[in-house]
């Protein structure tokens, strides 16, 4: 994970970021535009913060409200990976409109992911092959629609969806937001 420091230039915004109780760990790409309002809500509930950025607020939101209730409050563009050590669960979350991409691969026992396709090359056992249908779509429409990616064994998490993976299970994908919500 490489961090582009914009909102909080201090060490308090470094990632991966761990919750104060050590249960949650998060990496985050993007920005939650309404984090100041969420921060005020959390402070009213007794939460304290060391930094001034959105990452710490996002992580505290997950601790206080849980993933689904917290992410339903976020307005912004983001790709988030959240590890819950107590539950042994990884959650990947993509923003409502899909501004920030989130790619993942699953080979039946290993999940690899990133907010850029080139990040997936860090997984040493991945042998990328071009998805010919996605390539045809790209030439036809100048776009590859989710859930496809240019690679056969990599998918895009659709906008407003999350992916959960618990030990010994297969990834489960679900929508967390819709236009009527």
N, C-alpha and C. Protein backbone atom coordinates (compact mmCIF):
# COMPACT_ATOMS: atom_id res chain seq x y z
N UNK A 1 0.85 -1.17 0.00
CA UNK A 1 0.00 0.00 0.00
C UNK A 1 0.89 1.22 0.00
N UNK A 2 0.61 2.14 -0.89
CA UNK A 2 1.31 3.41 -0.95
C UNK A 2 0.32 4.51 -0.65
N UNK A 3 0.67 5.39 0.27
CA UNK A 3 -0.25 6.43 0.71
C UNK A 3 0.07 7.76 0.05
N UNK A 4 -0.96 8.39 -0.49
CA UNK A 4 -0.87 9.76 -0.97
C UNK A 4 -1.45 10.63 0.13
N UNK A 5 -0.60 11.33 0.86
CA UNK A 5 -1.03 12.14 2.00
C UNK A 5 -1.59 13.47 1.51
N UNK A 6 -2.88 13.67 1.74
CA UNK A 6 -3.52 14.92 1.36
C UNK A 6 -4.19 15.57 2.57
N UNK A 7 -5.03 14.83 3.28
CA UNK A 7 -5.78 15.40 4.39
C UNK A 7 -4.98 15.44 5.69
N UNK A 8 -4.24 14.42 5.98
CA UNK A 8 -3.46 14.35 7.22
C UNK A 8 -2.03 14.01 6.83
N UNK A 9 -1.15 14.97 6.91
CA UNK A 9 0.23 14.77 6.51
C UNK A 9 1.07 14.13 7.60
N UNK A 10 0.52 13.97 8.80
CA UNK A 10 1.25 13.42 9.93
C UNK A 10 1.34 11.89 9.85
N UNK A 11 2.09 11.32 10.76
CA UNK A 11 2.19 9.86 10.88
C UNK A 11 0.87 9.22 11.32
N UNK A 12 -0.06 10.02 11.84
CA UNK A 12 -1.34 9.47 12.32
C UNK A 12 -2.20 8.94 11.18
N UNK A 13 -1.86 9.29 9.95
CA UNK A 13 -2.63 8.80 8.81
C UNK A 13 -1.99 7.64 8.08
N UNK A 14 -0.83 7.16 8.57
CA UNK A 14 -0.13 6.08 7.88
C UNK A 14 -0.97 4.81 7.83
N UNK A 15 -0.76 4.04 6.78
CA UNK A 15 -1.48 2.79 6.60
C UNK A 15 -0.49 1.67 6.33
N UNK A 16 -0.86 0.43 6.63
CA UNK A 16 -2.15 0.02 7.17
C UNK A 16 -2.37 0.65 8.54
N UNK A 17 -3.63 0.94 8.82
CA UNK A 17 -4.02 1.57 10.08
C UNK A 17 -4.72 0.53 10.93
N UNK A 18 -4.33 0.49 12.20
CA UNK A 18 -4.91 -0.47 13.15
C UNK A 18 -5.80 0.29 14.13
N UNK A 19 -6.94 -0.31 14.49
CA UNK A 19 -7.83 0.30 15.48
C UNK A 19 -7.16 0.31 16.84
N UNK A 20 -7.62 1.17 17.72
CA UNK A 20 -6.99 1.31 19.04
C UNK A 20 -7.03 0.02 19.84
N UNK A 21 -8.04 -0.82 19.63
CA UNK A 21 -8.11 -2.10 20.34
C UNK A 21 -7.38 -3.23 19.62
N UNK A 22 -6.83 -2.93 18.44
CA UNK A 22 -6.05 -3.91 17.69
C UNK A 22 -6.88 -4.91 16.90
N UNK A 23 -8.20 -4.83 16.97
CA UNK A 23 -9.05 -5.81 16.30
C UNK A 23 -9.12 -5.59 14.80
N UNK A 24 -9.17 -4.33 14.37
CA UNK A 24 -9.36 -4.00 12.97
C UNK A 24 -8.09 -3.43 12.36
N UNK A 25 -7.84 -3.79 11.11
CA UNK A 25 -6.74 -3.20 10.35
C UNK A 25 -7.28 -2.86 8.96
N UNK A 26 -6.89 -1.67 8.45
CA UNK A 26 -7.48 -1.18 7.22
C UNK A 26 -6.42 -0.55 6.32
N UNK A 27 -6.61 -0.75 5.01
CA UNK A 27 -5.94 0.06 4.00
C UNK A 27 -7.06 0.69 3.18
N UNK A 28 -6.79 1.90 2.71
CA UNK A 28 -7.84 2.72 2.13
C UNK A 28 -7.26 3.56 1.02
N UNK A 29 -7.95 3.58 -0.12
CA UNK A 29 -7.57 4.44 -1.24
C UNK A 29 -8.77 5.31 -1.56
N UNK A 30 -8.59 6.62 -1.52
CA UNK A 30 -9.68 7.51 -1.88
C UNK A 30 -9.90 8.59 -0.85
N UNK A 31 -11.16 9.02 -0.78
CA UNK A 31 -11.52 10.08 0.14
C UNK A 31 -12.99 9.95 0.50
N UNK A 32 -13.30 10.13 1.78
CA UNK A 32 -14.68 10.21 2.23
C UNK A 32 -14.94 11.70 2.48
N UNK A 33 -15.78 12.28 1.63
CA UNK A 33 -15.97 13.73 1.64
C UNK A 33 -16.64 14.23 2.91
N UNK A 34 -17.53 13.44 3.48
CA UNK A 34 -18.28 13.87 4.66
C UNK A 34 -17.67 13.36 5.97
N UNK A 35 -16.36 13.10 5.97
CA UNK A 35 -15.74 12.54 7.17
C UNK A 35 -15.80 13.50 8.36
N UNK A 36 -15.80 14.81 8.12
CA UNK A 36 -15.86 15.77 9.24
C UNK A 36 -17.17 15.64 10.01
N UNK A 37 -18.28 15.50 9.29
CA UNK A 37 -19.58 15.32 9.94
C UNK A 37 -19.62 13.99 10.70
N UNK A 38 -19.08 12.95 10.09
CA UNK A 38 -19.04 11.64 10.75
C UNK A 38 -18.15 11.71 11.98
N UNK A 39 -17.04 12.41 11.87
CA UNK A 39 -16.13 12.58 13.01
C UNK A 39 -16.86 13.25 14.18
N UNK A 40 -17.64 14.29 13.90
CA UNK A 40 -18.38 14.98 14.97
C UNK A 40 -19.37 14.03 15.64
N UNK A 41 -20.05 13.19 14.84
CA UNK A 41 -20.97 12.19 15.40
C UNK A 41 -20.23 11.24 16.33
N UNK A 42 -19.08 10.78 15.88
CA UNK A 42 -18.29 9.83 16.68
C UNK A 42 -17.75 10.49 17.94
N UNK A 43 -17.32 11.73 17.84
CA UNK A 43 -16.83 12.45 19.03
C UNK A 43 -17.95 12.62 20.05
N UNK A 44 -19.18 12.86 19.58
CA UNK A 44 -20.34 12.97 20.48
C UNK A 44 -20.60 11.65 21.20
N UNK A 45 -20.16 10.55 20.60
CA UNK A 45 -20.31 9.22 21.20
C UNK A 45 -19.10 8.84 22.06
N UNK A 46 -18.15 9.77 22.21
CA UNK A 46 -17.00 9.53 23.08
C UNK A 46 -15.72 9.10 22.38
N UNK A 47 -15.74 9.02 21.06
CA UNK A 47 -14.53 8.64 20.33
C UNK A 47 -13.53 9.80 20.31
N UNK A 48 -12.26 9.47 20.40
CA UNK A 48 -11.20 10.48 20.31
C UNK A 48 -10.32 10.14 19.12
N UNK A 49 -9.67 11.17 18.57
CA UNK A 49 -8.84 11.00 17.39
C UNK A 49 -7.50 11.67 17.60
N UNK A 50 -6.47 11.06 17.03
CA UNK A 50 -5.12 11.61 17.13
C UNK A 50 -4.77 12.45 15.92
N UNK A 51 -5.29 12.08 14.74
CA UNK A 51 -4.98 12.79 13.51
C UNK A 51 -6.14 13.63 13.04
N UNK A 52 -6.00 14.14 11.81
CA UNK A 52 -7.03 15.02 11.26
C UNK A 52 -7.64 14.48 9.96
N UNK A 53 -7.26 13.30 9.53
CA UNK A 53 -7.69 12.76 8.24
C UNK A 53 -8.90 11.87 8.33
N UNK A 54 -9.31 11.41 7.15
CA UNK A 54 -10.50 10.57 7.04
C UNK A 54 -10.25 9.11 7.38
N UNK A 55 -9.03 8.63 7.23
CA UNK A 55 -8.77 7.20 7.47
C UNK A 55 -9.11 6.79 8.89
N UNK A 56 -8.69 7.59 9.84
CA UNK A 56 -8.95 7.28 11.25
C UNK A 56 -10.46 7.31 11.55
N UNK A 57 -11.17 8.23 10.90
CA UNK A 57 -12.63 8.34 11.08
C UNK A 57 -13.32 7.11 10.48
N UNK A 58 -12.87 6.67 9.33
CA UNK A 58 -13.44 5.48 8.69
C UNK A 58 -13.28 4.27 9.61
N UNK A 59 -12.08 4.08 10.12
CA UNK A 59 -11.81 2.93 10.98
C UNK A 59 -12.64 2.99 12.27
N UNK A 60 -12.75 4.17 12.87
CA UNK A 60 -13.57 4.32 14.07
C UNK A 60 -15.04 4.05 13.76
N UNK A 61 -15.50 4.45 12.58
CA UNK A 61 -16.89 4.20 12.18
C UNK A 61 -17.17 2.70 12.14
N UNK A 62 -16.23 1.93 11.59
CA UNK A 62 -16.40 0.48 11.54
C UNK A 62 -16.48 -0.11 12.95
N UNK A 63 -15.66 0.39 13.86
CA UNK A 63 -15.66 -0.11 15.24
C UNK A 63 -16.97 0.19 15.93
N UNK A 64 -17.49 1.41 15.74
CA UNK A 64 -18.67 1.84 16.46
C UNK A 64 -19.95 1.29 15.86
N UNK A 65 -20.10 1.37 14.54
CA UNK A 65 -21.37 1.03 13.90
C UNK A 65 -21.36 -0.29 13.13
N UNK A 66 -20.21 -0.90 12.92
CA UNK A 66 -20.14 -2.08 12.08
C UNK A 66 -20.00 -1.67 10.63
N UNK A 67 -19.59 -2.60 9.79
CA UNK A 67 -19.23 -2.29 8.41
C UNK A 67 -20.41 -1.73 7.62
N UNK A 68 -21.54 -2.42 7.59
CA UNK A 68 -22.65 -2.00 6.72
C UNK A 68 -23.23 -0.65 7.13
N UNK A 69 -23.44 -0.45 8.41
CA UNK A 69 -24.01 0.82 8.85
C UNK A 69 -23.01 1.95 8.64
N UNK A 70 -21.74 1.70 8.88
CA UNK A 70 -20.73 2.74 8.68
C UNK A 70 -20.61 3.12 7.21
N UNK A 71 -20.44 2.13 6.34
CA UNK A 71 -20.22 2.43 4.92
C UNK A 71 -21.45 3.08 4.28
N UNK A 72 -22.62 2.82 4.81
CA UNK A 72 -23.81 3.47 4.28
C UNK A 72 -23.80 4.97 4.55
N UNK A 73 -22.99 5.42 5.50
CA UNK A 73 -22.87 6.85 5.82
C UNK A 73 -21.83 7.56 4.95
N UNK A 74 -20.92 6.80 4.34
CA UNK A 74 -19.80 7.41 3.62
C UNK A 74 -20.23 7.96 2.26
N UNK A 75 -19.89 9.20 2.02
CA UNK A 75 -20.08 9.81 0.71
C UNK A 75 -18.69 10.13 0.20
N UNK A 76 -18.31 9.52 -0.91
CA UNK A 76 -16.97 9.75 -1.43
C UNK A 76 -16.60 8.77 -2.51
N UNK A 77 -15.30 8.69 -2.74
CA UNK A 77 -14.76 7.74 -3.71
C UNK A 77 -13.70 6.94 -2.96
N UNK A 78 -13.86 5.63 -2.93
CA UNK A 78 -12.95 4.84 -2.11
C UNK A 78 -12.95 3.37 -2.49
N UNK A 79 -11.83 2.76 -2.17
CA UNK A 79 -11.67 1.31 -2.17
C UNK A 79 -11.04 0.99 -0.82
N UNK A 80 -11.68 0.12 -0.05
CA UNK A 80 -11.25 -0.16 1.32
C UNK A 80 -11.06 -1.66 1.48
N UNK A 81 -10.00 -2.03 2.18
CA UNK A 81 -9.81 -3.41 2.63
C UNK A 81 -9.74 -3.38 4.15
N UNK A 82 -10.60 -4.13 4.80
CA UNK A 82 -10.70 -4.16 6.26
C UNK A 82 -10.52 -5.58 6.75
N UNK A 83 -9.55 -5.79 7.63
CA UNK A 83 -9.32 -7.09 8.25
C UNK A 83 -9.83 -7.03 9.68
N UNK A 84 -10.71 -7.96 10.04
CA UNK A 84 -11.20 -8.10 11.41
C UNK A 84 -10.55 -9.33 12.01
N UNK A 85 -9.55 -9.12 12.86
CA UNK A 85 -8.78 -10.23 13.43
C UNK A 85 -9.63 -11.11 14.33
N UNK A 86 -10.54 -10.53 15.08
CA UNK A 86 -11.38 -11.31 16.00
C UNK A 86 -12.30 -12.26 15.24
N UNK A 87 -12.83 -11.81 14.10
CA UNK A 87 -13.73 -12.64 13.31
C UNK A 87 -13.01 -13.43 12.22
N UNK A 88 -11.73 -13.12 11.98
CA UNK A 88 -11.00 -13.77 10.89
C UNK A 88 -11.65 -13.49 9.55
N UNK A 89 -12.04 -12.21 9.35
CA UNK A 89 -12.79 -11.85 8.14
C UNK A 89 -12.16 -10.65 7.45
N UNK A 90 -12.02 -10.77 6.13
CA UNK A 90 -11.57 -9.68 5.28
C UNK A 90 -12.78 -9.13 4.54
N UNK A 91 -12.92 -7.81 4.53
CA UNK A 91 -14.00 -7.16 3.80
C UNK A 91 -13.40 -6.16 2.83
N UNK A 92 -13.77 -6.27 1.57
CA UNK A 92 -13.39 -5.30 0.55
C UNK A 92 -14.63 -4.47 0.23
N UNK A 93 -14.47 -3.15 0.10
CA UNK A 93 -15.61 -2.26 -0.10
C UNK A 93 -15.28 -1.27 -1.20
N UNK A 94 -16.22 -1.09 -2.13
CA UNK A 94 -16.05 -0.12 -3.21
C UNK A 94 -17.12 0.97 -3.08
N UNK A 95 -16.75 2.20 -3.41
CA UNK A 95 -17.66 3.33 -3.27
C UNK A 95 -18.93 3.16 -4.10
N UNK A 96 -19.92 3.98 -3.77
CA UNK A 96 -21.26 3.87 -4.35
C UNK A 96 -21.29 3.95 -5.87
N UNK A 97 -20.49 4.85 -6.44
CA UNK A 97 -20.54 5.06 -7.88
C UNK A 97 -19.42 4.34 -8.64
N UNK A 98 -18.52 3.70 -7.92
CA UNK A 98 -17.44 2.99 -8.57
C UNK A 98 -16.36 3.89 -9.12
N UNK A 99 -16.17 5.06 -8.51
CA UNK A 99 -15.13 5.98 -8.96
C UNK A 99 -13.75 5.34 -8.77
N UNK A 100 -13.53 4.76 -7.60
CA UNK A 100 -12.28 4.05 -7.33
C UNK A 100 -12.48 2.58 -7.68
N UNK A 101 -11.63 2.05 -8.53
CA UNK A 101 -11.77 0.62 -8.86
C UNK A 101 -11.29 -0.26 -7.71
N UNK A 102 -11.76 -1.49 -7.69
CA UNK A 102 -11.27 -2.48 -6.73
C UNK A 102 -11.31 -3.83 -7.44
N UNK A 103 -10.13 -4.37 -7.69
CA UNK A 103 -9.97 -5.63 -8.42
C UNK A 103 -9.61 -6.73 -7.44
N UNK A 104 -10.07 -7.94 -7.74
CA UNK A 104 -9.72 -9.08 -6.89
C UNK A 104 -9.64 -10.34 -7.74
N UNK A 105 -8.86 -11.27 -7.25
CA UNK A 105 -8.77 -12.59 -7.84
C UNK A 105 -8.96 -13.63 -6.74
N UNK A 106 -9.53 -14.75 -7.09
CA UNK A 106 -9.78 -15.83 -6.13
C UNK A 106 -9.53 -17.15 -6.85
N UNK A 107 -8.59 -17.94 -6.33
CA UNK A 107 -8.27 -19.20 -6.97
C UNK A 107 -8.80 -20.41 -6.20
N UNK A 108 -9.72 -20.17 -5.28
CA UNK A 108 -10.29 -21.26 -4.49
C UNK A 108 -9.69 -21.36 -3.10
N UNK A 109 -8.52 -20.76 -2.90
CA UNK A 109 -7.93 -20.76 -1.56
C UNK A 109 -7.18 -19.48 -1.23
N UNK A 110 -6.90 -18.66 -2.22
CA UNK A 110 -6.18 -17.41 -2.00
C UNK A 110 -6.92 -16.28 -2.69
N UNK A 111 -7.06 -15.16 -1.96
CA UNK A 111 -7.66 -13.95 -2.51
C UNK A 111 -6.55 -12.91 -2.64
N UNK A 112 -6.46 -12.29 -3.82
CA UNK A 112 -5.53 -11.17 -4.00
C UNK A 112 -6.34 -10.00 -4.53
N UNK A 113 -5.94 -8.79 -4.16
CA UNK A 113 -6.77 -7.63 -4.51
C UNK A 113 -5.92 -6.37 -4.57
N UNK A 114 -6.47 -5.35 -5.22
CA UNK A 114 -5.83 -4.06 -5.30
C UNK A 114 -6.74 -3.06 -5.98
N UNK A 115 -6.46 -1.77 -5.75
CA UNK A 115 -7.26 -0.74 -6.40
C UNK A 115 -6.69 -0.38 -7.77
N UNK A 116 -5.61 -1.04 -8.15
CA UNK A 116 -5.06 -0.93 -9.50
C UNK A 116 -4.66 -2.33 -9.95
N UNK A 117 -4.83 -2.61 -11.23
CA UNK A 117 -4.46 -3.93 -11.74
C UNK A 117 -2.97 -4.22 -11.55
N UNK A 118 -2.13 -3.21 -11.72
CA UNK A 118 -0.69 -3.45 -11.58
C UNK A 118 -0.32 -3.89 -10.17
N UNK A 119 -1.11 -3.54 -9.17
CA UNK A 119 -0.83 -3.97 -7.81
C UNK A 119 -0.97 -5.48 -7.66
N UNK A 120 -1.81 -6.11 -8.50
CA UNK A 120 -2.03 -7.56 -8.39
C UNK A 120 -0.79 -8.35 -8.81
N UNK A 121 0.09 -7.71 -9.55
CA UNK A 121 1.32 -8.39 -9.97
C UNK A 121 2.24 -8.72 -8.80
N UNK A 122 1.98 -8.14 -7.64
CA UNK A 122 2.77 -8.45 -6.45
C UNK A 122 2.50 -9.88 -5.95
N UNK A 123 1.37 -10.45 -6.33
CA UNK A 123 1.05 -11.82 -5.94
C UNK A 123 1.87 -12.75 -6.83
N UNK A 124 2.85 -13.46 -6.28
CA UNK A 124 3.81 -14.22 -7.11
C UNK A 124 3.23 -15.42 -7.84
N UNK A 125 2.10 -15.95 -7.40
CA UNK A 125 1.55 -17.15 -8.01
C UNK A 125 0.51 -16.85 -9.09
N UNK A 126 0.28 -15.59 -9.35
CA UNK A 126 -0.70 -15.21 -10.36
C UNK A 126 -0.05 -15.20 -11.74
N UNK A 127 -0.66 -15.91 -12.66
CA UNK A 127 -0.21 -15.95 -14.05
C UNK A 127 -1.30 -15.30 -14.90
N UNK A 128 -1.22 -13.98 -15.12
CA UNK A 128 -2.31 -13.30 -15.83
C UNK A 128 -2.46 -13.75 -17.27
N UNK A 129 -3.71 -13.94 -17.66
CA UNK A 129 -4.05 -14.22 -19.06
C UNK A 129 -5.18 -13.28 -19.46
N UNK A 130 -5.13 -12.83 -20.68
CA UNK A 130 -6.09 -11.85 -21.18
C UNK A 130 -7.46 -12.49 -21.37
N UNK A 131 -8.49 -11.82 -20.91
CA UNK A 131 -9.86 -12.23 -21.11
C UNK A 131 -10.30 -11.71 -22.48
N UNK A 132 -10.48 -12.62 -23.43
CA UNK A 132 -10.77 -12.22 -24.80
C UNK A 132 -12.11 -11.49 -24.93
N UNK A 133 -13.11 -11.87 -24.13
CA UNK A 133 -14.40 -11.17 -24.17
C UNK A 133 -14.24 -9.74 -23.66
N UNK A 134 -13.48 -9.56 -22.59
CA UNK A 134 -13.25 -8.22 -22.06
C UNK A 134 -12.46 -7.38 -23.05
N UNK A 135 -11.49 -8.00 -23.70
CA UNK A 135 -10.70 -7.28 -24.70
C UNK A 135 -11.59 -6.82 -25.87
N UNK A 136 -12.49 -7.70 -26.30
CA UNK A 136 -13.43 -7.33 -27.37
C UNK A 136 -14.33 -6.17 -26.92
N UNK A 137 -14.80 -6.23 -25.68
CA UNK A 137 -15.61 -5.13 -25.14
C UNK A 137 -14.82 -3.82 -25.13
N UNK A 138 -13.55 -3.92 -24.76
CA UNK A 138 -12.72 -2.71 -24.72
C UNK A 138 -12.59 -2.09 -26.11
N UNK A 139 -12.34 -2.91 -27.10
CA UNK A 139 -12.22 -2.39 -28.46
C UNK A 139 -13.57 -1.89 -29.01
N UNK A 140 -14.64 -2.54 -28.61
CA UNK A 140 -15.96 -2.16 -29.10
C UNK A 140 -16.49 -0.91 -28.40
N UNK A 141 -16.32 -0.84 -27.06
CA UNK A 141 -16.94 0.23 -26.28
C UNK A 141 -15.94 1.19 -25.62
N UNK A 142 -14.64 0.89 -25.73
CA UNK A 142 -13.58 1.64 -25.03
C UNK A 142 -13.77 1.56 -23.51
N UNK A 143 -14.29 0.42 -23.07
CA UNK A 143 -14.64 0.26 -21.66
C UNK A 143 -14.83 -1.22 -21.36
N UNK A 144 -14.47 -1.64 -20.16
CA UNK A 144 -14.75 -3.01 -19.71
C UNK A 144 -15.67 -2.89 -18.50
N UNK A 145 -16.89 -3.35 -18.65
CA UNK A 145 -17.88 -3.24 -17.58
C UNK A 145 -17.62 -4.28 -16.49
N UNK A 146 -17.88 -3.86 -15.24
CA UNK A 146 -17.75 -4.81 -14.14
C UNK A 146 -18.82 -5.88 -14.28
N UNK A 147 -18.60 -7.06 -13.84
CA UNK A 147 -17.48 -7.47 -12.99
C UNK A 147 -16.23 -7.92 -13.75
N UNK A 148 -16.23 -7.83 -15.07
CA UNK A 148 -15.07 -8.29 -15.83
C UNK A 148 -13.89 -7.36 -15.64
N UNK A 149 -12.70 -7.90 -15.88
CA UNK A 149 -11.49 -7.10 -16.01
C UNK A 149 -10.79 -7.62 -17.27
N UNK A 150 -9.69 -7.04 -17.59
CA UNK A 150 -8.94 -7.46 -18.77
C UNK A 150 -8.34 -8.86 -18.59
N UNK A 151 -8.30 -9.36 -17.36
CA UNK A 151 -7.72 -10.68 -17.07
C UNK A 151 -8.80 -11.71 -16.76
N UNK A 152 -8.56 -12.94 -17.19
CA UNK A 152 -9.51 -14.03 -16.99
C UNK A 152 -9.88 -14.26 -15.53
N UNK A 153 -8.91 -14.27 -14.65
CA UNK A 153 -9.15 -14.68 -13.27
C UNK A 153 -9.19 -13.51 -12.28
N UNK A 154 -9.47 -12.31 -12.79
CA UNK A 154 -9.59 -11.13 -11.95
C UNK A 154 -10.92 -10.44 -12.27
N UNK A 155 -11.60 -10.03 -11.24
CA UNK A 155 -12.89 -9.35 -11.37
C UNK A 155 -12.80 -7.96 -10.76
N UNK A 156 -13.76 -7.10 -11.17
CA UNK A 156 -13.95 -5.81 -10.51
C UNK A 156 -15.09 -5.99 -9.52
N UNK A 157 -14.89 -5.52 -8.30
CA UNK A 157 -16.01 -5.47 -7.37
C UNK A 157 -16.95 -4.38 -7.88
N UNK A 158 -18.23 -4.68 -8.06
CA UNK A 158 -19.16 -3.67 -8.58
C UNK A 158 -19.29 -2.48 -7.62
N UNK A 159 -19.65 -1.31 -8.14
CA UNK A 159 -19.90 -0.17 -7.27
C UNK A 159 -20.96 -0.50 -6.22
N UNK A 160 -20.83 0.12 -5.04
CA UNK A 160 -21.79 -0.03 -3.93
C UNK A 160 -21.91 -1.48 -3.46
N UNK A 161 -20.83 -2.24 -3.60
CA UNK A 161 -20.81 -3.62 -3.15
C UNK A 161 -19.66 -3.83 -2.18
N UNK A 162 -19.81 -4.88 -1.40
CA UNK A 162 -18.71 -5.33 -0.56
C UNK A 162 -18.52 -6.82 -0.75
N UNK A 163 -17.31 -7.24 -0.52
CA UNK A 163 -16.94 -8.66 -0.62
C UNK A 163 -16.44 -9.07 0.74
N UNK A 164 -16.96 -10.16 1.28
CA UNK A 164 -16.50 -10.67 2.57
C UNK A 164 -15.91 -12.06 2.38
N UNK A 165 -14.80 -12.27 3.05
CA UNK A 165 -14.15 -13.58 3.02
C UNK A 165 -13.75 -13.95 4.43
N UNK A 166 -14.33 -15.03 4.92
CA UNK A 166 -13.97 -15.57 6.23
C UNK A 166 -13.15 -16.83 6.02
N UNK A 167 -12.37 -17.17 7.01
CA UNK A 167 -11.52 -18.37 6.92
C UNK A 167 -12.36 -19.59 6.57
N UNK A 168 -11.86 -20.36 5.61
CA UNK A 168 -12.52 -21.60 5.22
C UNK A 168 -13.75 -21.43 4.35
N UNK A 169 -14.04 -20.22 3.91
CA UNK A 169 -15.24 -19.96 3.11
C UNK A 169 -14.85 -19.43 1.74
N UNK A 170 -15.83 -19.25 0.90
CA UNK A 170 -15.62 -18.60 -0.39
C UNK A 170 -16.10 -17.16 -0.27
N UNK A 171 -15.58 -16.26 -1.10
CA UNK A 171 -16.00 -14.85 -1.02
C UNK A 171 -17.49 -14.68 -1.26
N UNK A 172 -18.10 -13.84 -0.47
CA UNK A 172 -19.51 -13.50 -0.61
C UNK A 172 -19.61 -12.03 -0.98
N UNK A 173 -20.37 -11.72 -2.04
CA UNK A 173 -20.50 -10.35 -2.51
C UNK A 173 -21.94 -9.90 -2.29
N UNK A 174 -22.09 -8.68 -1.78
CA UNK A 174 -23.43 -8.15 -1.57
C UNK A 174 -23.45 -6.64 -1.78
N UNK A 175 -24.59 -6.15 -2.24
CA UNK A 175 -24.80 -4.71 -2.42
C UNK A 175 -25.08 -4.10 -1.05
N UNK A 176 -24.47 -2.96 -0.76
CA UNK A 176 -24.73 -2.27 0.51
C UNK A 176 -25.50 -0.96 0.32
N UNK A 177 -25.68 -0.54 -0.91
CA UNK A 177 -26.35 0.75 -1.16
C UNK A 177 -27.04 0.71 -2.51
N UNK A 178 -28.16 1.41 -2.63
CA UNK A 178 -28.87 1.55 -3.88
C UNK A 178 -29.48 2.93 -3.97
N UNK A 179 -29.95 3.31 -5.13
CA UNK A 179 -30.50 4.66 -5.33
C UNK A 179 -31.67 4.98 -4.42
N UNK A 180 -32.42 3.99 -4.01
CA UNK A 180 -33.60 4.22 -3.16
C UNK A 180 -33.24 4.29 -1.69
N UNK A 181 -31.96 4.12 -1.36
CA UNK A 181 -31.57 4.15 0.06
C UNK A 181 -31.09 5.51 0.46
